Protein backbone atom coordinates (compact mmCIF):
# COMPACT_ATOMS: atom_id res chain seq x y z
CA UNK A 1 -13.57 21.17 -11.15
CA UNK A 2 -10.10 19.84 -10.33
CA UNK A 3 -9.03 16.62 -8.64
CA UNK A 4 -6.95 17.99 -5.78
CA UNK A 5 -5.94 15.06 -3.59
CA UNK A 6 -6.02 11.30 -3.16
CA UNK A 7 -5.88 9.74 0.28
CA UNK A 8 -4.78 6.43 1.76
CA UNK A 9 -4.47 5.23 5.34
CA UNK A 10 -1.47 3.73 7.01
CA UNK A 11 -1.00 1.46 9.98
CA UNK A 12 2.80 1.88 9.67
CA UNK A 13 3.89 5.26 8.29
CA UNK A 14 7.56 4.27 7.98
CA UNK A 15 6.74 1.28 5.76
CA UNK A 16 4.16 3.28 3.79
CA UNK A 17 6.71 6.06 3.12
CA UNK A 18 9.20 3.42 1.95
CA UNK A 19 6.63 2.02 -0.51
CA UNK A 20 5.59 5.38 -1.98
CA UNK A 21 9.23 6.50 -2.19
CA UNK A 22 9.90 3.51 -4.47
CA UNK A 23 7.00 4.68 -6.66
CA UNK A 24 8.78 8.05 -7.01
CA UNK A 25 7.29 10.28 -4.30
CA UNK A 26 9.63 12.52 -2.27
CA UNK A 27 8.81 13.11 1.38
CA UNK A 28 9.90 15.89 3.70
CA UNK A 29 11.26 14.83 7.06
CA UNK A 30 8.55 13.54 9.34
CA UNK A 31 8.11 12.21 12.83
CA UNK A 32 6.76 8.68 13.17
CA UNK A 33 4.07 9.88 15.59
CA UNK A 34 2.51 12.18 12.96
CA UNK A 35 -1.01 11.36 11.82
CA UNK A 36 -0.90 13.08 8.40
CA UNK A 37 1.83 13.10 5.73
CA UNK A 38 2.03 14.53 2.23
CA UNK A 39 4.92 14.02 -0.16
CA UNK A 40 6.14 17.01 -2.15
CA UNK A 41 3.87 17.55 -5.14
CA UNK A 42 4.70 19.51 -8.30
CA UNK A 43 2.47 22.50 -9.02
CA UNK A 44 -0.78 21.45 -10.70
CA UNK A 45 -0.60 17.80 -9.65
CA UNK A 46 -3.03 16.06 -7.30
CA UNK A 47 -1.62 15.63 -3.80
CA UNK A 48 -1.18 12.28 -2.10
CA UNK A 49 -2.40 12.40 1.49
CA UNK A 50 -1.42 9.63 3.89
CA UNK A 51 -3.31 9.55 7.17
CA UNK A 52 -2.75 7.26 10.12
CA UNK A 53 -5.30 4.52 10.61
CA UNK A 54 -5.86 5.96 14.10
CA UNK A 55 -6.81 9.40 12.75
CA UNK A 56 -9.21 8.06 10.13
CA UNK A 57 -10.82 5.71 12.66
CA UNK A 58 -11.44 8.73 14.91
CA UNK A 59 -12.99 10.67 12.01
CA UNK A 60 -15.11 7.83 10.56
CA UNK A 61 -16.01 6.06 13.77
CA UNK A 62 -14.90 2.78 12.17
CA UNK A 63 -11.64 1.37 10.83
CA UNK A 64 -10.78 2.35 7.26
CA UNK A 65 -10.34 -0.42 4.71
CA UNK A 66 -9.04 -0.41 1.15
CA UNK A 67 -11.35 -1.29 -1.71
CA UNK A 68 -10.69 -4.13 -4.10
CA UNK A 69 -10.12 -1.69 -6.95
CA UNK A 70 -7.40 0.86 -7.58
CA UNK A 71 -7.78 4.27 -6.10
CA UNK A 72 -5.36 5.99 -8.47
CA UNK A 73 -2.86 5.43 -11.28
CA UNK A 74 0.70 6.63 -11.73
CA UNK A 75 2.09 7.26 -15.21
CA UNK A 76 5.76 6.58 -15.90
CA UNK A 77 7.83 7.97 -18.76
CA UNK A 78 8.84 4.60 -20.18
CA UNK A 79 8.17 0.88 -20.06
CA UNK A 80 11.68 0.40 -18.68
CA UNK A 81 10.97 2.77 -15.78
CA UNK A 82 7.70 0.99 -14.98
CA UNK A 83 9.40 -2.43 -15.07
CA UNK A 84 12.20 -1.13 -12.82
CA UNK A 85 9.73 0.26 -10.26
CA UNK A 86 7.78 -3.01 -10.26
CA UNK A 87 10.99 -4.97 -9.66
CA UNK A 88 11.98 -2.65 -6.78
CA UNK A 89 8.53 -3.10 -5.24
CA UNK A 90 8.89 -6.88 -5.39
CA UNK A 91 12.50 -6.99 -4.16
CA UNK A 92 11.59 -4.72 -1.22
CA UNK A 93 8.98 -7.22 -0.05
CA UNK A 94 5.88 -5.33 -1.15
CA UNK A 95 3.02 -7.00 -3.02
CA UNK A 96 2.51 -6.98 -6.74
CA UNK A 97 -1.18 -7.67 -7.26
CA UNK A 98 -0.82 -8.10 -11.04
CA UNK A 99 2.58 -8.41 -12.69
CA UNK A 100 3.41 -5.99 -15.54
CA UNK A 101 1.70 -6.86 -18.81
CA UNK A 102 1.12 -5.24 -22.18
CA UNK A 103 -2.53 -4.19 -22.11
CA UNK A 104 -4.63 -4.17 -25.26
CA UNK A 105 -5.25 -0.41 -24.82
CA UNK A 106 -1.60 0.37 -25.59
CA UNK A 107 0.00 0.60 -22.16
CA UNK A 108 2.37 -1.48 -20.08
CA UNK A 109 0.35 -1.96 -16.89
CA UNK A 110 0.98 -3.26 -13.38
CA UNK A 111 -1.05 -3.22 -10.15
CA UNK A 112 0.78 -3.01 -6.81
CA UNK A 113 -0.44 -2.90 -3.22
CA UNK A 114 0.83 -0.61 -0.50
CA UNK A 115 1.48 -2.06 2.98
CA UNK A 116 -2.17 -1.57 3.99
CA UNK A 117 -3.62 -3.11 0.82
CA UNK A 118 -4.40 0.04 -1.19
CA UNK A 119 -3.96 -0.81 -4.85
CA UNK A 120 -2.11 1.51 -7.22
CA UNK A 121 -2.10 1.15 -10.99
CA UNK A 122 1.26 1.80 -12.64
CA UNK A 123 1.47 2.32 -16.38
CA UNK A 124 3.55 3.57 -19.29
CA UNK A 125 2.63 4.04 -22.92
CA UNK A 126 3.93 1.28 -25.19
């Protein structure tokens, strides 16, 4: 078994791309009327799939909604990098759900929210 992809929905793809770009994802050119986007993913890594709210509503028959718990975590190479990303998230007007802290399990941890409320854990080893 292999985790292949993680998906989120977006009501504003431009803003969602801006958020995930700050986290470190690189996107190919896209048209704002697209219903599905995927940033470039290194070989062997799980893909991030971003679908329009419209598309997922058509598939599910109801509007998608984020959970109150993180869907995925992103590992950074250093505490400094994590702190820098968290500061860029905040200064760009995106939400930090839980400010960076030194967790008892040996990681610097932070929880951020994308424009549609999907939570992402960010961490680096202390």
